[in-house]
């Protein structure tokens, strides 16, 4: 079997040549954001080896002082024992605290500790600083155009994915009640929790 046979792609599966640069830059952009704004940034703000997923959980807990382990299990779509382990890790690192609920002493309420709040504040500050330094290369018009195009492109990708049964973590924990993703993906754990409380 020759190399041309191994590398052969059926014509129906080959993307049009005009799409290849967009596909390539989509991957480059995605990995650059992950490295530049998540992994390396987390290493810069803490020596606790916090993962991007743990940072999302910390943001979620910080949003509301009424979360329980069951909420974490729903948020992460994992079992209650697995959620307990996830919270235990953050608690051992001093990022999350548990306290008794006023209504039910047996129920433990989660909150972001002072150390956890400081980590989130340092992360947000350094993130804004890093992005700000990059954006000096672009005009305000460029930034507005890029934002609109990224929103449209991101929503189109999510809509095509059709992952309606899974919780949405696309914003990496930057929960917003006006998030446009809700129009193509209805399972935002933050919005679900807010609706349950109303």
N, C-alpha and C. Protein backbone atom coordinates (compact mmCIF):
# COMPACT_ATOMS: atom_id res chain seq x y z
N UNK A 1 0.85 -1.17 0.00
CA UNK A 1 0.00 0.00 0.00
C UNK A 1 0.90 1.24 0.00
N UNK A 2 0.75 2.11 -0.97
CA UNK A 2 1.56 3.30 -1.11
C UNK A 2 1.09 4.42 -0.20
N UNK A 3 1.94 5.45 -0.02
CA UNK A 3 1.55 6.56 0.86
C UNK A 3 0.33 7.30 0.38
N UNK A 4 0.12 7.33 -0.96
CA UNK A 4 -1.06 8.04 -1.45
C UNK A 4 -2.35 7.34 -1.06
N UNK A 5 -2.28 5.99 -0.87
CA UNK A 5 -3.46 5.24 -0.44
C UNK A 5 -3.75 5.51 1.04
N UNK A 6 -2.69 5.55 1.87
CA UNK A 6 -2.86 5.78 3.31
C UNK A 6 -3.44 7.16 3.57
N UNK A 7 -2.98 8.16 2.83
CA UNK A 7 -3.42 9.54 3.06
C UNK A 7 -4.65 9.93 2.27
N UNK A 8 -5.21 9.00 1.53
CA UNK A 8 -6.36 9.35 0.69
C UNK A 8 -7.55 9.73 1.56
N UNK A 9 -8.23 10.80 1.18
CA UNK A 9 -9.43 11.26 1.88
C UNK A 9 -10.56 11.26 0.87
N UNK A 10 -11.69 10.60 1.19
CA UNK A 10 -12.81 10.62 0.25
C UNK A 10 -13.21 12.06 -0.06
N UNK A 11 -13.53 12.33 -1.32
CA UNK A 11 -13.86 13.69 -1.75
C UNK A 11 -14.96 14.32 -0.90
N UNK A 12 -15.95 13.53 -0.51
CA UNK A 12 -17.05 14.06 0.27
C UNK A 12 -16.65 14.55 1.66
N UNK A 13 -15.48 14.08 2.18
CA UNK A 13 -15.05 14.45 3.52
C UNK A 13 -14.01 15.58 3.52
N UNK A 14 -13.53 15.93 2.36
CA UNK A 14 -12.49 16.96 2.26
C UNK A 14 -13.12 18.34 2.36
N UNK A 15 -12.68 19.19 3.31
CA UNK A 15 -13.26 20.53 3.39
C UNK A 15 -12.83 21.37 2.20
N UNK A 16 -13.66 22.29 1.77
CA UNK A 16 -13.26 23.19 0.68
C UNK A 16 -11.99 23.93 1.06
N UNK A 17 -11.14 24.18 0.08
CA UNK A 17 -9.83 24.80 0.33
C UNK A 17 -9.96 26.11 1.09
N UNK A 18 -11.02 26.87 0.85
CA UNK A 18 -11.21 28.15 1.51
C UNK A 18 -11.47 28.02 3.01
N UNK A 19 -11.91 26.83 3.46
CA UNK A 19 -12.20 26.63 4.89
C UNK A 19 -10.96 26.21 5.68
N UNK A 20 -9.97 25.67 4.99
CA UNK A 20 -8.80 25.13 5.69
C UNK A 20 -8.09 26.16 6.57
N UNK A 21 -7.85 27.40 6.09
CA UNK A 21 -7.22 28.38 6.99
C UNK A 21 -8.07 28.67 8.23
N UNK A 22 -9.40 28.76 8.07
CA UNK A 22 -10.27 29.02 9.21
C UNK A 22 -10.21 27.87 10.21
N UNK A 23 -10.24 26.64 9.70
CA UNK A 23 -10.16 25.48 10.59
C UNK A 23 -8.82 25.49 11.33
N UNK A 24 -7.74 25.75 10.60
CA UNK A 24 -6.41 25.78 11.22
C UNK A 24 -6.35 26.86 12.30
N UNK A 25 -6.81 28.08 11.97
CA UNK A 25 -6.73 29.17 12.95
C UNK A 25 -7.73 28.98 14.10
N UNK A 26 -8.79 28.24 13.86
CA UNK A 26 -9.70 27.91 14.97
C UNK A 26 -8.96 27.08 16.01
N UNK A 27 -8.20 26.10 15.54
CA UNK A 27 -7.43 25.26 16.47
C UNK A 27 -6.31 26.06 17.14
N UNK A 28 -5.64 26.89 16.36
CA UNK A 28 -4.57 27.70 16.92
C UNK A 28 -5.13 28.65 17.99
N UNK A 29 -6.25 29.30 17.69
CA UNK A 29 -6.87 30.23 18.64
C UNK A 29 -7.28 29.49 19.91
N UNK A 30 -7.93 28.34 19.73
CA UNK A 30 -8.40 27.57 20.88
C UNK A 30 -7.24 27.15 21.78
N UNK A 31 -6.17 26.62 21.21
CA UNK A 31 -5.04 26.18 22.03
C UNK A 31 -4.30 27.37 22.63
N UNK A 32 -4.23 28.49 21.90
CA UNK A 32 -3.55 29.68 22.43
C UNK A 32 -4.31 30.23 23.64
N UNK A 33 -5.63 30.28 23.55
CA UNK A 33 -6.45 30.75 24.67
C UNK A 33 -6.25 29.83 25.87
N UNK A 34 -6.30 28.53 25.62
CA UNK A 34 -6.13 27.57 26.72
C UNK A 34 -4.77 27.73 27.39
N UNK A 35 -3.73 27.83 26.59
CA UNK A 35 -2.38 27.97 27.16
C UNK A 35 -2.17 29.34 27.80
N UNK A 36 -2.50 30.39 27.06
CA UNK A 36 -2.18 31.77 27.46
C UNK A 36 -3.08 32.28 28.57
N UNK A 37 -4.38 31.92 28.51
CA UNK A 37 -5.35 32.47 29.47
C UNK A 37 -5.83 31.46 30.51
N UNK A 38 -5.35 30.23 30.44
CA UNK A 38 -5.77 29.26 31.44
C UNK A 38 -4.58 28.60 32.11
N UNK A 39 -3.91 27.69 31.42
CA UNK A 39 -2.88 26.87 32.05
C UNK A 39 -1.72 27.71 32.58
N UNK A 40 -1.07 28.49 31.72
CA UNK A 40 0.09 29.28 32.15
C UNK A 40 -0.32 30.38 33.13
N UNK A 41 -1.48 30.93 32.94
CA UNK A 41 -1.96 31.98 33.82
C UNK A 41 -2.23 31.43 35.22
N UNK A 42 -2.82 30.24 35.29
CA UNK A 42 -3.07 29.62 36.60
C UNK A 42 -1.76 29.34 37.32
N UNK A 43 -0.75 28.91 36.58
CA UNK A 43 0.56 28.66 37.19
C UNK A 43 1.16 29.95 37.74
N UNK A 44 0.87 31.06 37.07
CA UNK A 44 1.43 32.35 37.48
C UNK A 44 0.78 32.90 38.74
N UNK A 45 -0.47 32.54 39.00
CA UNK A 45 -1.18 33.13 40.15
C UNK A 45 -1.21 32.24 41.38
N UNK A 46 -0.88 30.96 41.22
CA UNK A 46 -0.94 30.06 42.38
C UNK A 46 0.07 28.93 42.25
N UNK A 47 0.54 28.47 43.38
CA UNK A 47 1.40 27.28 43.38
C UNK A 47 0.60 26.05 43.83
N UNK A 48 -0.72 26.18 43.82
CA UNK A 48 -1.61 25.11 44.28
C UNK A 48 -1.94 24.10 43.18
N UNK A 49 -1.42 24.29 41.99
CA UNK A 49 -1.70 23.40 40.85
C UNK A 49 -3.20 23.28 40.57
N UNK A 50 -3.87 24.41 40.54
CA UNK A 50 -5.30 24.45 40.24
C UNK A 50 -5.50 24.22 38.75
N UNK A 51 -6.44 23.36 38.40
CA UNK A 51 -6.74 23.08 36.99
C UNK A 51 -7.81 24.06 36.49
N UNK A 52 -7.94 24.23 35.17
CA UNK A 52 -9.02 25.08 34.66
C UNK A 52 -10.40 24.65 35.15
N UNK A 53 -10.62 23.35 35.26
CA UNK A 53 -11.92 22.84 35.74
C UNK A 53 -12.14 23.23 37.20
N UNK A 54 -11.09 23.15 38.02
CA UNK A 54 -11.21 23.55 39.42
C UNK A 54 -11.45 25.06 39.54
N UNK A 55 -10.85 25.82 38.64
CA UNK A 55 -11.08 27.27 38.63
C UNK A 55 -12.54 27.56 38.31
N UNK A 56 -13.12 26.83 37.35
CA UNK A 56 -14.55 26.99 37.04
C UNK A 56 -15.40 26.71 38.28
N UNK A 57 -15.06 25.64 38.98
CA UNK A 57 -15.81 25.28 40.18
C UNK A 57 -15.67 26.36 41.25
N UNK A 58 -14.47 26.89 41.42
CA UNK A 58 -14.24 27.95 42.40
C UNK A 58 -15.06 29.19 42.04
N UNK A 59 -15.11 29.55 40.76
CA UNK A 59 -15.94 30.68 40.32
C UNK A 59 -17.41 30.42 40.62
N UNK A 60 -17.85 29.19 40.37
CA UNK A 60 -19.25 28.82 40.60
C UNK A 60 -19.60 28.96 42.08
N UNK A 61 -18.73 28.46 42.95
CA UNK A 61 -18.97 28.55 44.39
C UNK A 61 -18.95 30.01 44.85
N UNK A 62 -18.08 30.81 44.25
CA UNK A 62 -17.96 32.21 44.63
C UNK A 62 -19.19 33.03 44.23
N UNK A 63 -19.94 32.56 43.25
CA UNK A 63 -21.13 33.29 42.78
C UNK A 63 -22.23 33.36 43.82
N UNK A 64 -22.28 32.36 44.69
CA UNK A 64 -23.45 32.19 45.54
C UNK A 64 -23.02 31.51 46.84
N UNK A 65 -23.48 32.01 47.96
CA UNK A 65 -23.08 31.42 49.24
C UNK A 65 -24.08 30.39 49.74
N UNK A 66 -24.86 29.82 48.85
CA UNK A 66 -25.85 28.82 49.25
C UNK A 66 -25.61 27.47 48.57
N UNK A 67 -24.45 27.28 47.96
CA UNK A 67 -24.17 26.03 47.27
C UNK A 67 -23.89 24.90 48.25
N UNK A 68 -24.36 23.71 47.86
CA UNK A 68 -24.10 22.49 48.60
C UNK A 68 -23.36 21.54 47.67
N UNK A 69 -22.87 20.44 48.20
CA UNK A 69 -22.18 19.45 47.36
C UNK A 69 -23.09 18.93 46.26
N UNK A 70 -24.39 18.80 46.54
CA UNK A 70 -25.33 18.35 45.51
C UNK A 70 -25.35 19.32 44.32
N UNK A 71 -25.24 20.61 44.61
CA UNK A 71 -25.19 21.61 43.53
C UNK A 71 -23.93 21.40 42.69
N UNK A 72 -22.83 21.11 43.35
CA UNK A 72 -21.57 20.86 42.64
C UNK A 72 -21.71 19.63 41.75
N UNK A 73 -22.35 18.58 42.27
CA UNK A 73 -22.54 17.36 41.48
C UNK A 73 -23.35 17.67 40.22
N UNK A 74 -24.41 18.47 40.36
CA UNK A 74 -25.21 18.84 39.19
C UNK A 74 -24.41 19.71 38.24
N UNK A 75 -23.66 20.64 38.81
CA UNK A 75 -22.86 21.57 38.02
C UNK A 75 -21.83 20.84 37.16
N UNK A 76 -21.12 19.90 37.78
CA UNK A 76 -20.07 19.16 37.07
C UNK A 76 -20.59 17.90 36.38
N UNK A 77 -21.88 17.58 36.61
CA UNK A 77 -22.49 16.36 36.07
C UNK A 77 -21.72 15.12 36.49
N UNK A 78 -21.49 15.03 37.80
CA UNK A 78 -20.81 13.88 38.38
C UNK A 78 -21.61 13.40 39.58
N UNK A 79 -21.20 12.26 40.14
CA UNK A 79 -21.91 11.72 41.31
C UNK A 79 -21.62 12.57 42.55
N UNK A 80 -22.46 12.43 43.56
CA UNK A 80 -22.26 13.17 44.82
C UNK A 80 -20.91 12.82 45.46
N UNK A 81 -20.50 11.52 45.50
CA UNK A 81 -19.18 11.22 46.08
C UNK A 81 -18.03 11.87 45.30
N UNK A 82 -18.14 11.90 43.96
CA UNK A 82 -17.10 12.53 43.15
C UNK A 82 -17.08 14.04 43.40
N UNK A 83 -18.27 14.64 43.58
CA UNK A 83 -18.36 16.07 43.87
C UNK A 83 -17.74 16.37 45.23
N UNK A 84 -17.97 15.49 46.19
CA UNK A 84 -17.37 15.66 47.52
C UNK A 84 -15.85 15.65 47.42
N UNK A 85 -15.30 14.76 46.61
CA UNK A 85 -13.85 14.70 46.42
C UNK A 85 -13.33 15.98 45.77
N UNK A 86 -14.07 16.50 44.78
CA UNK A 86 -13.66 17.73 44.10
C UNK A 86 -13.63 18.90 45.08
N UNK A 87 -14.63 18.97 45.95
CA UNK A 87 -14.69 20.04 46.95
C UNK A 87 -13.60 19.83 48.00
N UNK A 88 -13.36 18.56 48.38
CA UNK A 88 -12.32 18.24 49.37
C UNK A 88 -10.96 18.77 48.93
N UNK A 89 -10.65 18.62 47.64
CA UNK A 89 -9.36 19.09 47.11
C UNK A 89 -9.23 20.60 47.29
N UNK A 90 -10.30 21.34 46.93
CA UNK A 90 -10.26 22.79 47.07
C UNK A 90 -10.22 23.21 48.55
N UNK A 91 -10.90 22.44 49.39
CA UNK A 91 -10.91 22.76 50.82
C UNK A 91 -9.53 22.52 51.43
N UNK A 92 -8.87 21.40 51.06
CA UNK A 92 -7.52 21.11 51.57
C UNK A 92 -6.53 22.21 51.18
N UNK A 93 -6.76 22.81 50.03
CA UNK A 93 -5.87 23.87 49.57
C UNK A 93 -6.25 25.23 50.16
N UNK A 94 -7.30 25.24 50.97
CA UNK A 94 -7.71 26.47 51.63
C UNK A 94 -8.47 27.43 50.74
N UNK A 95 -9.00 26.94 49.61
CA UNK A 95 -9.70 27.80 48.65
C UNK A 95 -11.20 27.84 48.87
N UNK A 96 -11.72 26.82 49.54
CA UNK A 96 -13.16 26.70 49.79
C UNK A 96 -13.36 26.35 51.26
N UNK A 97 -14.43 26.87 51.84
CA UNK A 97 -14.78 26.56 53.24
C UNK A 97 -16.18 25.98 53.28
N UNK A 98 -16.40 25.14 54.28
CA UNK A 98 -17.74 24.57 54.51
C UNK A 98 -18.24 25.07 55.86
N UNK A 99 -19.51 25.39 55.91
CA UNK A 99 -20.10 25.81 57.18
C UNK A 99 -21.51 25.24 57.27
N UNK A 100 -22.05 25.24 58.47
CA UNK A 100 -23.39 24.70 58.69
C UNK A 100 -24.43 25.65 58.12
N UNK A 101 -25.48 25.06 57.57
CA UNK A 101 -26.59 25.85 57.06
C UNK A 101 -27.44 26.31 58.23
N UNK A 102 -27.97 27.53 58.14
CA UNK A 102 -28.83 28.04 59.20
C UNK A 102 -30.09 27.22 59.36
N UNK A 103 -30.62 26.70 58.26
CA UNK A 103 -31.88 25.95 58.30
C UNK A 103 -31.69 24.52 58.79
N UNK A 104 -30.58 23.89 58.32
CA UNK A 104 -30.35 22.49 58.63
C UNK A 104 -28.88 22.33 59.01
N UNK A 105 -28.61 22.08 60.28
CA UNK A 105 -27.23 21.99 60.77
C UNK A 105 -26.44 20.87 60.09
N UNK A 106 -27.14 19.84 59.61
CA UNK A 106 -26.44 18.72 58.96
C UNK A 106 -25.98 19.08 57.55
N UNK A 107 -26.63 20.07 56.96
CA UNK A 107 -26.32 20.47 55.59
C UNK A 107 -25.15 21.43 55.59
N UNK A 108 -24.11 21.13 54.81
CA UNK A 108 -22.91 21.95 54.77
C UNK A 108 -22.96 22.88 53.55
N UNK A 109 -22.82 24.17 53.81
CA UNK A 109 -22.85 25.18 52.76
C UNK A 109 -21.41 25.50 52.35
N UNK A 110 -21.21 25.65 51.04
CA UNK A 110 -19.88 25.94 50.52
C UNK A 110 -19.71 27.43 50.28
N UNK A 111 -18.52 27.92 50.54
CA UNK A 111 -18.21 29.31 50.22
C UNK A 111 -16.75 29.40 49.81
N UNK A 112 -16.47 30.42 49.06
CA UNK A 112 -15.10 30.69 48.62
C UNK A 112 -14.38 31.34 49.80
N UNK A 113 -13.23 30.78 50.20
CA UNK A 113 -12.48 31.34 51.31
C UNK A 113 -11.81 32.64 50.88
N UNK A 114 -11.23 33.34 51.84
CA UNK A 114 -10.50 34.57 51.52
C UNK A 114 -9.35 34.26 50.56
N UNK A 115 -8.68 33.14 50.78
CA UNK A 115 -7.58 32.73 49.89
C UNK A 115 -8.11 32.44 48.49
N UNK A 116 -9.28 31.80 48.42
CA UNK A 116 -9.90 31.52 47.12
C UNK A 116 -10.30 32.80 46.41
N UNK A 117 -10.85 33.75 47.14
CA UNK A 117 -11.24 35.04 46.56
C UNK A 117 -10.01 35.80 46.04
N UNK A 118 -8.93 35.73 46.80
CA UNK A 118 -7.69 36.39 46.37
C UNK A 118 -7.14 35.76 45.10
N UNK A 119 -7.21 34.42 45.02
CA UNK A 119 -6.76 33.73 43.81
C UNK A 119 -7.58 34.19 42.61
N UNK A 120 -8.91 34.24 42.76
CA UNK A 120 -9.78 34.67 41.66
C UNK A 120 -9.48 36.11 41.26
N UNK A 121 -9.26 36.97 42.25
CA UNK A 121 -8.97 38.38 41.95
C UNK A 121 -7.65 38.52 41.21
N UNK A 122 -6.61 37.78 41.67
CA UNK A 122 -5.30 37.82 40.98
C UNK A 122 -5.43 37.31 39.56
N UNK A 123 -6.20 36.23 39.40
CA UNK A 123 -6.38 35.63 38.08
C UNK A 123 -7.06 36.64 37.14
N UNK A 124 -8.17 37.24 37.59
CA UNK A 124 -8.89 38.21 36.75
C UNK A 124 -8.00 39.40 36.39
N UNK A 125 -7.23 39.87 37.36
CA UNK A 125 -6.37 41.02 37.13
C UNK A 125 -5.28 40.71 36.11
N UNK A 126 -4.63 39.56 36.29
CA UNK A 126 -3.55 39.18 35.38
C UNK A 126 -4.10 38.85 33.99
N UNK A 127 -5.29 38.25 33.96
CA UNK A 127 -5.93 37.94 32.68
C UNK A 127 -6.21 39.23 31.91
N UNK A 128 -6.78 40.23 32.59
CA UNK A 128 -7.07 41.51 31.95
C UNK A 128 -5.78 42.19 31.48
N UNK A 129 -4.74 42.09 32.29
CA UNK A 129 -3.45 42.69 31.94
C UNK A 129 -2.87 42.03 30.69
N UNK A 130 -2.90 40.70 30.65
CA UNK A 130 -2.35 39.98 29.50
C UNK A 130 -3.13 40.26 28.22
N UNK A 131 -4.45 40.21 28.32
CA UNK A 131 -5.27 40.48 27.14
C UNK A 131 -5.10 41.93 26.72
N UNK A 132 -5.07 42.83 27.69
CA UNK A 132 -4.89 44.25 27.38
C UNK A 132 -3.61 44.51 26.63
N UNK A 133 -2.52 43.83 27.03
CA UNK A 133 -1.23 44.01 26.35
C UNK A 133 -1.31 43.56 24.89
N UNK A 134 -2.03 42.49 24.64
CA UNK A 134 -2.18 41.98 23.27
C UNK A 134 -3.07 42.93 22.45
N UNK A 135 -4.12 43.44 23.08
CA UNK A 135 -5.09 44.26 22.35
C UNK A 135 -4.55 45.65 21.96
N UNK A 136 -3.39 46.03 22.49
CA UNK A 136 -2.81 47.32 22.07
C UNK A 136 -2.45 47.30 20.59
N UNK A 137 -2.38 46.12 20.01
CA UNK A 137 -2.05 45.99 18.58
C UNK A 137 -3.27 46.18 17.68
N UNK A 138 -4.45 46.33 18.29
CA UNK A 138 -5.70 46.42 17.53
C UNK A 138 -6.42 47.72 17.84
N UNK A 139 -7.15 48.22 16.86
CA UNK A 139 -7.97 49.41 17.08
C UNK A 139 -9.26 49.00 17.81
N UNK A 140 -9.96 50.00 18.35
CA UNK A 140 -11.24 49.71 19.02
C UNK A 140 -12.22 49.09 18.04
N UNK A 141 -12.20 49.56 16.80
CA UNK A 141 -13.08 49.00 15.76
C UNK A 141 -12.74 47.55 15.47
N UNK A 142 -11.44 47.24 15.40
CA UNK A 142 -11.01 45.85 15.18
C UNK A 142 -11.51 44.95 16.30
N UNK A 143 -11.37 45.44 17.55
CA UNK A 143 -11.77 44.64 18.72
C UNK A 143 -13.28 44.39 18.70
N UNK A 144 -14.06 45.43 18.36
CA UNK A 144 -15.52 45.28 18.30
C UNK A 144 -15.90 44.31 17.19
N UNK A 145 -15.26 44.42 16.02
CA UNK A 145 -15.55 43.51 14.91
C UNK A 145 -15.18 42.08 15.26
N UNK A 146 -14.01 41.91 15.87
CA UNK A 146 -13.57 40.57 16.25
C UNK A 146 -14.52 39.96 17.27
N UNK A 147 -14.95 40.75 18.23
CA UNK A 147 -15.89 40.27 19.25
C UNK A 147 -17.19 39.78 18.63
N UNK A 148 -17.74 40.59 17.71
CA UNK A 148 -18.99 40.19 17.03
C UNK A 148 -18.80 38.91 16.22
N UNK A 149 -17.71 38.83 15.47
CA UNK A 149 -17.47 37.64 14.64
C UNK A 149 -17.23 36.40 15.51
N UNK A 150 -16.47 36.56 16.58
CA UNK A 150 -16.24 35.42 17.47
C UNK A 150 -17.54 34.95 18.11
N UNK A 151 -18.40 35.89 18.47
CA UNK A 151 -19.69 35.51 19.05
C UNK A 151 -20.51 34.70 18.04
N UNK A 152 -20.62 35.22 16.82
CA UNK A 152 -21.40 34.52 15.79
C UNK A 152 -20.81 33.16 15.47
N UNK A 153 -19.49 33.10 15.32
CA UNK A 153 -18.81 31.85 14.97
C UNK A 153 -18.95 30.83 16.10
N UNK A 154 -18.75 31.29 17.35
CA UNK A 154 -18.86 30.39 18.51
C UNK A 154 -20.27 29.83 18.63
N UNK A 155 -21.27 30.70 18.49
CA UNK A 155 -22.66 30.24 18.59
C UNK A 155 -22.99 29.25 17.49
N UNK A 156 -22.49 29.48 16.27
CA UNK A 156 -22.74 28.57 15.16
C UNK A 156 -22.11 27.21 15.43
N UNK A 157 -20.90 27.20 15.99
CA UNK A 157 -20.24 25.93 16.32
C UNK A 157 -21.02 25.17 17.38
N UNK A 158 -21.46 25.88 18.42
CA UNK A 158 -22.19 25.24 19.51
C UNK A 158 -23.52 24.70 19.01
N UNK A 159 -24.19 25.49 18.17
CA UNK A 159 -25.48 25.05 17.62
C UNK A 159 -25.30 23.80 16.78
N UNK A 160 -24.23 23.74 15.98
CA UNK A 160 -23.97 22.58 15.12
C UNK A 160 -23.61 21.35 15.95
N UNK A 161 -23.03 21.57 17.13
CA UNK A 161 -22.62 20.46 17.99
C UNK A 161 -23.83 19.69 18.53
N UNK A 162 -24.93 20.41 18.75
CA UNK A 162 -26.17 19.79 19.24
C UNK A 162 -25.93 18.99 20.52
N UNK A 163 -25.37 19.64 21.53
CA UNK A 163 -25.08 18.97 22.81
C UNK A 163 -26.08 19.41 23.87
N UNK A 164 -27.35 19.40 23.54
CA UNK A 164 -28.38 19.95 24.41
C UNK A 164 -28.53 19.20 25.73
N UNK A 165 -28.12 17.94 25.80
CA UNK A 165 -28.29 17.19 27.04
C UNK A 165 -27.22 17.45 28.07
N UNK A 166 -26.13 18.12 27.69
CA UNK A 166 -25.00 18.33 28.60
C UNK A 166 -25.01 19.76 29.13
N UNK A 167 -24.42 19.93 30.31
CA UNK A 167 -24.28 21.29 30.85
C UNK A 167 -23.27 22.05 30.01
N UNK A 168 -23.48 23.35 29.91
CA UNK A 168 -22.61 24.20 29.11
C UNK A 168 -21.57 24.87 30.01
N UNK A 169 -20.30 24.70 29.67
CA UNK A 169 -19.21 25.34 30.39
C UNK A 169 -18.39 26.20 29.44
N UNK A 170 -18.99 26.61 28.33
CA UNK A 170 -18.25 27.30 27.28
C UNK A 170 -17.61 28.61 27.74
N UNK A 171 -18.21 29.26 28.72
CA UNK A 171 -17.68 30.56 29.15
C UNK A 171 -16.54 30.41 30.16
N UNK A 172 -16.20 29.17 30.50
CA UNK A 172 -15.13 28.88 31.46
C UNK A 172 -15.41 29.49 32.84
N UNK A 173 -16.68 29.62 33.17
CA UNK A 173 -17.05 30.11 34.49
C UNK A 173 -17.34 31.60 34.56
N UNK A 174 -17.34 32.29 33.41
CA UNK A 174 -17.70 33.71 33.40
C UNK A 174 -19.21 33.81 33.19
N UNK A 175 -19.96 33.33 34.14
CA UNK A 175 -21.41 33.23 34.01
C UNK A 175 -22.04 34.60 33.87
N UNK A 176 -23.01 34.68 32.98
CA UNK A 176 -23.67 35.95 32.69
C UNK A 176 -25.12 35.63 32.34
N UNK A 177 -26.05 36.28 33.02
CA UNK A 177 -27.47 36.01 32.76
C UNK A 177 -27.87 36.37 31.33
N UNK A 178 -27.11 37.24 30.69
CA UNK A 178 -27.41 37.65 29.31
C UNK A 178 -26.58 36.89 28.28
N UNK A 179 -25.93 35.81 28.68
CA UNK A 179 -25.05 35.06 27.77
C UNK A 179 -25.80 34.63 26.51
N UNK A 180 -25.29 34.97 25.32
CA UNK A 180 -25.99 34.62 24.08
C UNK A 180 -26.00 33.13 23.78
N UNK A 181 -25.13 32.36 24.46
CA UNK A 181 -25.09 30.91 24.22
C UNK A 181 -26.42 30.27 24.62
N UNK A 182 -27.15 30.90 25.56
CA UNK A 182 -28.43 30.33 26.01
C UNK A 182 -29.43 30.15 24.87
N UNK A 183 -29.24 30.88 23.78
CA UNK A 183 -30.17 30.77 22.66
C UNK A 183 -29.90 29.54 21.80
N UNK A 184 -28.71 28.95 21.95
CA UNK A 184 -28.41 27.74 21.18
C UNK A 184 -28.09 26.56 22.09
N UNK A 185 -27.93 26.82 23.39
CA UNK A 185 -27.62 25.76 24.35
C UNK A 185 -28.33 26.11 25.65
N UNK A 186 -29.25 25.30 26.08
CA UNK A 186 -30.13 25.68 27.19
C UNK A 186 -29.67 25.19 28.56
N UNK A 187 -28.51 24.56 28.66
CA UNK A 187 -28.12 23.96 29.93
C UNK A 187 -26.98 24.68 30.62
N UNK A 188 -27.19 25.95 30.94
CA UNK A 188 -26.20 26.70 31.72
C UNK A 188 -26.45 26.40 33.19
N UNK A 189 -25.46 25.81 33.91
CA UNK A 189 -25.70 25.47 35.32
C UNK A 189 -25.98 26.69 36.19
N UNK A 190 -25.41 27.82 35.85
CA UNK A 190 -25.66 29.04 36.62
C UNK A 190 -27.10 29.50 36.44
N UNK A 191 -27.58 29.52 35.20
CA UNK A 191 -28.96 29.94 34.94
C UNK A 191 -29.96 28.95 35.53
N UNK A 192 -29.64 27.65 35.45
CA UNK A 192 -30.54 26.65 36.01
C UNK A 192 -30.68 26.84 37.52
N UNK A 193 -29.55 27.10 38.17
CA UNK A 193 -29.58 27.30 39.62
C UNK A 193 -30.38 28.55 39.98
N UNK A 194 -30.20 29.60 39.20
CA UNK A 194 -30.93 30.85 39.44
C UNK A 194 -32.43 30.64 39.28
N UNK A 195 -32.83 29.89 38.25
CA UNK A 195 -34.25 29.61 38.00
C UNK A 195 -34.85 28.76 39.10
N UNK A 196 -34.08 27.80 39.62
CA UNK A 196 -34.58 26.94 40.70
C UNK A 196 -34.90 27.75 41.95
N UNK A 197 -34.15 28.82 42.17
CA UNK A 197 -34.33 29.63 43.37
C UNK A 197 -35.52 30.56 43.28
N UNK A 198 -35.99 30.87 42.06
CA UNK A 198 -37.08 31.84 41.88
C UNK A 198 -38.43 31.23 42.19
